[in-house]
Amino acid sequence: MKWPAWLELRLIHKPASPERCPRCWGRMVMMERSTMSGDDMRTYRCTRCKREKIVDFGTATWKRLSDARNDEK
């Protein structure tokens, strides 16, 4: 299927982030991203009240690929 010329397709994977702080409705900014444990964990901090929120996005992609490769052996 050919897409129309006026349609611009953007398939950039961006996990959902908490955009607003539940306490003061300030903007949340990503401070840290960690995948060392095998889970995709991200830490967000509010720009107003400095409250932090840790969000778990599940198993990291590298961990899934590694597990799949080990299952084949």
PDB file of N, CA and C in Angstrom:
ATOM      1  N   MET A   1       0.840  -1.182   0.000  1.00  0.00           N
ATOM      2  CA  MET A   1       0.000   0.000   0.000  1.00  0.00           C
ATOM      3  C   MET A   1       0.879   1.237   0.000  1.00  0.00           C
ATOM      4  N   LYS A   2       0.584   2.148  -0.877  1.00  0.00           N
ATOM      5  CA  LYS A   2       1.348   3.381  -0.973  1.00  0.00           C
ATOM      6  C   LYS A   2       0.617   4.492  -0.222  1.00  0.00           C
ATOM      7  N   TRP A   3       1.362   5.211   0.623  1.00  0.00           N
ATOM      8  CA  TRP A   3       0.783   6.295   1.408  1.00  0.00           C
ATOM      9  C   TRP A   3       0.627   7.545   0.551  1.00  0.00           C
ATOM     10  N   PRO A   4      -0.423   8.330   0.805  1.00  0.00           N
ATOM     11  CA  PRO A   4      -0.580   9.596   0.078  1.00  0.00           C
ATOM     12  C   PRO A   4       0.579  10.543   0.395  1.00  0.00           C
ATOM     13  N   ALA A   5       0.900  11.405  -0.560  1.00  0.00           N
ATOM     14  CA  ALA A   5       2.036  12.313  -0.411  1.00  0.00           C
ATOM     15  C   ALA A   5       1.841  13.290   0.753  1.00  0.00           C
ATOM     16  N   TRP A   6       0.611  13.626   1.068  1.00  0.00           N
ATOM     17  CA  TRP A   6       0.356  14.605   2.125  1.00  0.00           C
ATOM     18  C   TRP A   6       0.458  14.002   3.518  1.00  0.00           C
ATOM     19  N   LEU A   7       0.491  12.686   3.620  1.00  0.00           N
ATOM     20  CA  LEU A   7       0.527  12.020   4.917  1.00  0.00           C
ATOM     21  C   LEU A   7       1.967  11.731   5.317  1.00  0.00           C
ATOM     22  N   GLU A   8       2.366  12.259   6.434  1.00  0.00           N
ATOM     23  CA  GLU A   8       3.711  12.022   6.936  1.00  0.00           C
ATOM     24  C   GLU A   8       3.616  11.037   8.092  1.00  0.00           C
ATOM     25  N   LEU A   9       4.208   9.882   7.958  1.00  0.00           N
ATOM     26  CA  LEU A   9       4.133   8.832   8.949  1.00  0.00           C
ATOM     27  C   LEU A   9       5.303   8.933   9.909  1.00  0.00           C
ATOM     28  N   ARG A  10       5.014   9.049  11.189  1.00  0.00           N
ATOM     29  CA  ARG A  10       6.050   9.121  12.213  1.00  0.00           C
ATOM     30  C   ARG A  10       5.842   7.983  13.195  1.00  0.00           C
ATOM     31  N   LEU A  11       6.746   7.034  13.176  1.00  0.00           N
ATOM     32  CA  LEU A  11       6.654   5.893  14.064  1.00  0.00           C
ATOM     33  C   LEU A  11       7.812   5.892  15.048  1.00  0.00           C
ATOM     34  N   ILE A  12       7.943   6.914  15.789  1.00  0.00           N
ATOM     35  CA  ILE A  12       8.993   7.015  16.795  1.00  0.00           C
ATOM     36  C   ILE A  12       8.421   6.511  18.111  1.00  0.00           C
ATOM     37  N   HIS A  13       9.031   5.458  18.655  1.00  0.00           N
ATOM     38  CA  HIS A  13       8.547   4.882  19.913  1.00  0.00           C
ATOM     39  C   HIS A  13       8.960   5.772  21.075  1.00  0.00           C
ATOM     40  N   LYS A  14       7.986   6.278  21.770  1.00  0.00           N
ATOM     41  CA  LYS A  14       8.233   7.099  22.935  1.00  0.00           C
ATOM     42  C   LYS A  14       7.310   6.610  24.037  1.00  0.00           C
ATOM     43  N   PRO A  15       7.852   5.988  25.082  1.00  0.00           N
ATOM     44  CA  PRO A  15       6.979   5.521  26.148  1.00  0.00           C
ATOM     45  C   PRO A  15       6.210   6.664  26.792  1.00  0.00           C
ATOM     46  N   ALA A  16       5.041   6.344  27.266  1.00  0.00           N
ATOM     47  CA  ALA A  16       4.225   7.356  27.924  1.00  0.00           C
ATOM     48  C   ALA A  16       4.929   7.857  29.165  1.00  0.00           C
ATOM     49  N   SER A  17       4.962   9.141  29.334  1.00  0.00           N
ATOM     50  CA  SER A  17       5.589   9.717  30.511  1.00  0.00           C
ATOM     51  C   SER A  17       4.552  10.494  31.301  1.00  0.00           C
ATOM     52  N   PRO A  18       4.734  10.536  32.603  1.00  0.00           N
ATOM     53  CA  PRO A  18       3.809  11.360  33.387  1.00  0.00           C
ATOM     54  C   PRO A  18       4.078  12.826  33.077  1.00  0.00           C
ATOM     55  N   GLU A  19       3.155  13.475  32.409  1.00  0.00           N
ATOM     56  CA  GLU A  19       3.378  14.850  31.981  1.00  0.00           C
ATOM     57  C   GLU A  19       3.163  15.860  33.103  1.00  0.00           C
ATOM     58  N   ARG A  20       2.274  15.558  34.020  1.00  0.00           N
ATOM     59  CA  ARG A  20       1.952  16.487  35.100  1.00  0.00           C
ATOM     60  C   ARG A  20       2.108  15.821  36.451  1.00  0.00           C
ATOM     61  N   CYS A  21       2.574  16.574  37.421  1.00  0.00           N
ATOM     62  CA  CYS A  21       2.734  16.089  38.787  1.00  0.00           C
ATOM     63  C   CYS A  21       1.348  15.924  39.417  1.00  0.00           C
ATOM     64  N   PRO A  22       1.100  14.792  40.079  1.00  0.00           N
ATOM     65  CA  PRO A  22      -0.215  14.605  40.698  1.00  0.00           C
ATOM     66  C   PRO A  22      -0.465  15.531  41.885  1.00  0.00           C
ATOM     67  N   ARG A  23       0.598  16.086  42.475  1.00  0.00           N
ATOM     68  CA  ARG A  23       0.447  16.956  43.641  1.00  0.00           C
ATOM     69  C   ARG A  23       0.195  18.418  43.258  1.00  0.00           C
ATOM     70  N   CYS A  24       1.055  18.983  42.393  1.00  0.00           N
ATOM     71  CA  CYS A  24       0.942  20.423  42.105  1.00  0.00           C
ATOM     72  C   CYS A  24       0.689  20.729  40.629  1.00  0.00           C
ATOM     73  N   TRP A  25       0.569  19.715  39.786  1.00  0.00           N
ATOM     74  CA  TRP A  25       0.344  19.847  38.351  1.00  0.00           C
ATOM     75  C   TRP A  25       1.501  20.519  37.632  1.00  0.00           C
ATOM     76  N   GLY A  26       2.694  20.463  38.223  1.00  0.00           N
ATOM     77  CA  GLY A  26       3.888  20.971  37.554  1.00  0.00           C
ATOM     78  C   GLY A  26       4.352  19.994  36.485  1.00  0.00           C
ATOM     79  N   ARG A  27       5.266  20.435  35.664  1.00  0.00           N
ATOM     80  CA  ARG A  27       5.775  19.607  34.586  1.00  0.00           C
ATOM     81  C   ARG A  27       6.777  18.585  35.109  1.00  0.00           C
ATOM     82  N   MET A  28       6.654  17.319  34.685  1.00  0.00           N
ATOM     83  CA  MET A  28       7.576  16.263  35.089  1.00  0.00           C
ATOM     84  C   MET A  28       8.668  16.121  34.025  1.00  0.00           C
ATOM     85  N   VAL A  29       9.917  16.025  34.476  1.00  0.00           N
ATOM     86  CA  VAL A  29      11.066  15.908  33.589  1.00  0.00           C
ATOM     87  C   VAL A  29      11.802  14.612  33.914  1.00  0.00           C
ATOM     88  N   MET A  30      12.218  13.862  32.876  1.00  0.00           N
ATOM     89  CA  MET A  30      12.939  12.619  33.115  1.00  0.00           C
ATOM     90  C   MET A  30      14.350  12.932  33.602  1.00  0.00           C
ATOM     91  N   MET A  31      14.705  12.367  34.755  1.00  0.00           N
ATOM     92  CA  MET A  31      16.012  12.609  35.354  1.00  0.00           C
ATOM     93  C   MET A  31      16.975  11.442  35.127  1.00  0.00           C
ATOM     94  N   GLU A  32      16.463  10.221  35.147  1.00  0.00           N
ATOM     95  CA  GLU A  32      17.330   9.057  35.042  1.00  0.00           C
ATOM     96  C   GLU A  32      16.600   7.930  34.333  1.00  0.00           C
ATOM     97  N   ARG A  33      17.372   7.171  33.563  1.00  0.00           N
ATOM     98  CA  ARG A  33      16.832   5.987  32.890  1.00  0.00           C
ATOM     99  C   ARG A  33      17.767   4.836  33.184  1.00  0.00           C
ATOM    100  N   SER A  34      17.221   3.742  33.691  1.00  0.00           N
ATOM    101  CA  SER A  34      18.042   2.605  34.070  1.00  0.00           C
ATOM    102  C   SER A  34      17.451   1.326  33.511  1.00  0.00           C
ATOM    103  N   THR A  35      18.317   0.519  32.869  1.00  0.00           N
ATOM    104  CA  THR A  35      17.899  -0.788  32.378  1.00  0.00           C
ATOM    105  C   THR A  35      18.848  -1.877  32.873  1.00  0.00           C
ATOM    106  N   MET A  36      19.716  -1.556  33.826  1.00  0.00           N
ATOM    107  CA  MET A  36      20.720  -2.512  34.286  1.00  0.00           C
ATOM    108  C   MET A  36      20.098  -3.718  34.984  1.00  0.00           C
ATOM    109  N   SER A  37      18.965  -3.564  35.612  1.00  0.00           N
ATOM    110  CA  SER A  37      18.329  -4.668  36.335  1.00  0.00           C
ATOM    111  C   SER A  37      17.535  -5.584  35.409  1.00  0.00           C
ATOM    112  N   GLY A  38      17.395  -5.202  34.145  1.00  0.00           N
ATOM    113  CA  GLY A  38      16.577  -5.972  33.209  1.00  0.00           C
ATOM    114  C   GLY A  38      15.205  -5.369  33.030  1.00  0.00           C
ATOM    115  N   ASP A  39      14.855  -4.400  33.867  1.00  0.00           N
ATOM    116  CA  ASP A  39      13.592  -3.669  33.743  1.00  0.00           C
ATOM    117  C   ASP A  39      13.874  -2.258  33.259  1.00  0.00           C
ATOM    118  N   ASP A  40      12.954  -1.717  32.473  1.00  0.00           N
ATOM    119  CA  ASP A  40      13.081  -0.355  31.964  1.00  0.00           C
ATOM    120  C   ASP A  40      12.483   0.589  33.000  1.00  0.00           C
ATOM    121  N   MET A  41      13.313   1.133  33.870  1.00  0.00           N
ATOM    122  CA  MET A  41      12.875   2.021  34.953  1.00  0.00           C
ATOM    123  C   MET A  41      13.288   3.457  34.628  1.00  0.00           C
ATOM    124  N   ARG A  42      12.382   4.398  34.840  1.00  0.00           N
ATOM    125  CA  ARG A  42      12.680   5.808  34.603  1.00  0.00           C
ATOM    126  C   ARG A  42      12.244   6.635  35.799  1.00  0.00           C
ATOM    127  N   THR A  43      13.063   7.609  36.144  1.00  0.00           N
ATOM    128  CA  THR A  43      12.776   8.498  37.264  1.00  0.00           C
ATOM    129  C   THR A  43      12.417   9.879  36.714  1.00  0.00           C
ATOM    130  N   TYR A  44      11.260  10.384  37.131  1.00  0.00           N
ATOM    131  CA  TYR A  44      10.796  11.706  36.720  1.00  0.00           C
ATOM    132  C   TYR A  44      10.753  12.611  37.939  1.00  0.00           C
ATOM    133  N   ARG A  45      11.067  13.920  37.753  1.00  0.00           N
ATOM    134  CA  ARG A  45      11.037  14.886  38.841  1.00  0.00           C
ATOM    135  C   ARG A  45      10.201  16.099  38.423  1.00  0.00           C
ATOM    136  N   CYS A  46       9.376  16.560  39.350  1.00  0.00           N
ATOM    137  CA  CYS A  46       8.539  17.742  39.125  1.00  0.00           C
ATOM    138  C   CYS A  46       9.408  18.995  39.180  1.00  0.00           C
ATOM    139  N   THR A  47       9.174  19.925  38.266  1.00  0.00           N
ATOM    140  CA  THR A  47       9.970  21.153  38.240  1.00  0.00           C
ATOM    141  C   THR A  47       9.561  22.121  39.349  1.00  0.00           C
ATOM    142  N   ARG A  48       8.345  21.996  39.856  1.00  0.00           N
ATOM    143  CA  ARG A  48       7.884  22.903  40.914  1.00  0.00           C
ATOM    144  C   ARG A  48       8.197  22.395  42.317  1.00  0.00           C
ATOM    145  N   CYS A  49       7.636  21.246  42.673  1.00  0.00           N
ATOM    146  CA  CYS A  49       7.741  20.774  44.061  1.00  0.00           C
ATOM    147  C   CYS A  49       8.883  19.767  44.268  1.00  0.00           C
ATOM    148  N   LYS A  50       9.624  19.407  43.199  1.00  0.00           N
ATOM    149  CA  LYS A  50      10.787  18.507  43.263  1.00  0.00           C
ATOM    150  C   LYS A  50      10.426  17.087  43.706  1.00  0.00           C
ATOM    151  N   ARG A  51       9.167  16.714  43.596  1.00  0.00           N
ATOM    152  CA  ARG A  51       8.752  15.348  43.930  1.00  0.00           C
ATOM    153  C   ARG A  51       9.181  14.412  42.811  1.00  0.00           C
ATOM    154  N   GLU A  52       9.675  13.225  43.176  1.00  0.00           N
ATOM    155  CA  GLU A  52      10.128  12.258  42.189  1.00  0.00           C
ATOM    156  C   GLU A  52       9.139  11.107  42.063  1.00  0.00           C
ATOM    157  N   LYS A  53       9.059  10.570  40.848  1.00  0.00           N
ATOM    158  CA  LYS A  53       8.187   9.438  40.585  1.00  0.00           C
ATOM    159  C   LYS A  53       8.968   8.440  39.729  1.00  0.00           C
ATOM    160  N   ILE A  54       8.969   7.165  40.151  1.00  0.00           N
ATOM    161  CA  ILE A  54       9.655   6.117  39.413  1.00  0.00           C
ATOM    162  C   ILE A  54       8.605   5.319  38.657  1.00  0.00           C
ATOM    163  N   VAL A  55       8.812   5.181  37.348  1.00  0.00           N
ATOM    164  CA  VAL A  55       7.872   4.474  36.487  1.00  0.00           C
ATOM    165  C   VAL A  55       8.568   3.254  35.911  1.00  0.00           C
ATOM    166  N   ASP A  56       7.907   2.094  35.992  1.00  0.00           N
ATOM    167  CA  ASP A  56       8.440   0.845  35.457  1.00  0.00           C
ATOM    168  C   ASP A  56       7.716   0.540  34.151  1.00  0.00           C
ATOM    169  N   PHE A  57       8.462   0.498  33.051  1.00  0.00           N
ATOM    170  CA  PHE A  57       7.884   0.221  31.742  1.00  0.00           C
ATOM    171  C   PHE A  57       7.991  -1.251  31.363  1.00  0.00           C
ATOM    172  N   GLY A  58       8.326  -2.101  32.322  1.00  0.00           N
ATOM    173  CA  GLY A  58       8.391  -3.536  32.058  1.00  0.00           C
ATOM    174  C   GLY A  58       9.797  -3.999  31.721  1.00  0.00           C
ATOM    175  N   THR A  59       9.892  -5.158  31.111  1.00  0.00           N
ATOM    176  CA  THR A  59      11.173  -5.763  30.783  1.00  0.00           C
ATOM    177  C   THR A  59      11.862  -4.983  29.670  1.00  0.00           C
ATOM    178  N   ALA A  60      13.154  -4.741  29.849  1.00  0.00           N
ATOM    179  CA  ALA A  60      13.938  -4.013  28.856  1.00  0.00           C
ATOM    180  C   ALA A  60      14.086  -4.845  27.587  1.00  0.00           C
ATOM    181  N   THR A  61      14.213  -4.172  26.451  1.00  0.00           N
ATOM    182  CA  THR A  61      14.310  -4.854  25.168  1.00  0.00           C
ATOM    183  C   THR A  61      15.532  -5.757  25.108  1.00  0.00           C
ATOM    184  N   TRP A  62      16.674  -5.279  25.611  1.00  0.00           N
ATOM    185  CA  TRP A  62      17.890  -6.096  25.555  1.00  0.00           C
ATOM    186  C   TRP A  62      17.728  -7.385  26.354  1.00  0.00           C
ATOM    187  N   LYS A  63      16.959  -7.330  27.447  1.00  0.00           N
ATOM    188  CA  LYS A  63      16.732  -8.509  28.275  1.00  0.00           C
ATOM    189  C   LYS A  63      15.876  -9.539  27.532  1.00  0.00           C
ATOM    190  N   ARG A  64      14.841  -9.067  26.837  1.00  0.00           N
ATOM    191  CA  ARG A  64      13.984  -9.968  26.062  1.00  0.00           C
ATOM    192  C   ARG A  64      14.764 -10.654  24.947  1.00  0.00           C
ATOM    193  N   LEU A  65      15.604  -9.883  24.250  1.00  0.00           N
ATOM    194  CA  LEU A  65      16.397 -10.455  23.169  1.00  0.00           C
ATOM    195  C   LEU A  65      17.409 -11.461  23.703  1.00  0.00           C
ATOM    196  N   SER A  66      18.011 -11.158  24.834  1.00  0.00           N
ATOM    197  CA  SER A  66      18.977 -12.056  25.440  1.00  0.00           C
ATOM    198  C   SER A  66      18.307 -13.359  25.875  1.00  0.00           C
ATOM    199  N   ASP A  67      17.143 -13.253  26.486  1.00  0.00           N
ATOM    200  CA  ASP A  67      16.407 -14.444  26.914  1.00  0.00           C
ATOM    201  C   ASP A  67      15.988 -15.297  25.722  1.00  0.00           C
ATOM    202  N   ALA A  68      15.570 -14.653  24.634  1.00  0.00           N
ATOM    203  CA  ALA A  68      15.160 -15.392  23.443  1.00  0.00           C
ATOM    204  C   ALA A  68      16.347 -16.125  22.825  1.00  0.00           C
ATOM    205  N   ARG A  69      17.506 -15.482  22.814  1.00  0.00           N
ATOM    206  CA  ARG A  69      18.700 -16.101  22.256  1.00  0.00           C
ATOM    207  C   ARG A  69      19.130 -17.287  23.112  1.00  0.00           C
ATOM    208  N   ASN A  70      19.027 -17.171  24.440  1.00  0.00           N
ATOM    209  CA  ASN A  70      19.407 -18.255  25.332  1.00  0.00           C
ATOM    210  C   ASN A  70      18.443 -19.429  25.234  1.00  0.00           C
ATOM    211  N   ASP A  71      17.174 -19.168  24.949  1.00  0.00           N
ATOM    212  CA  ASP A  71      16.185 -20.249  24.792  1.00  0.00           C
ATOM    213  C   ASP A  71      16.458 -21.080  23.548  1.00  0.00           C
ATOM    214  N   GLU A  72      17.030 -20.455  22.511  1.00  0.00           N
ATOM    215  CA  GLU A  72      17.322 -21.164  21.262  1.00  0.00           C
ATOM    216  C   GLU A  72      18.474 -22.147  21.435  1.00  0.00           C
ATOM    217  N   LYS A  73      19.384 -21.863  22.354  1.00  0.00           N
ATOM    218  CA  LYS A  73      20.562 -22.715  22.532  1.00  0.00           C
ATOM    219  C   LYS A  73      20.281 -23.964  23.243  1.00  0.00           C
TER     220      LYS A  73
END
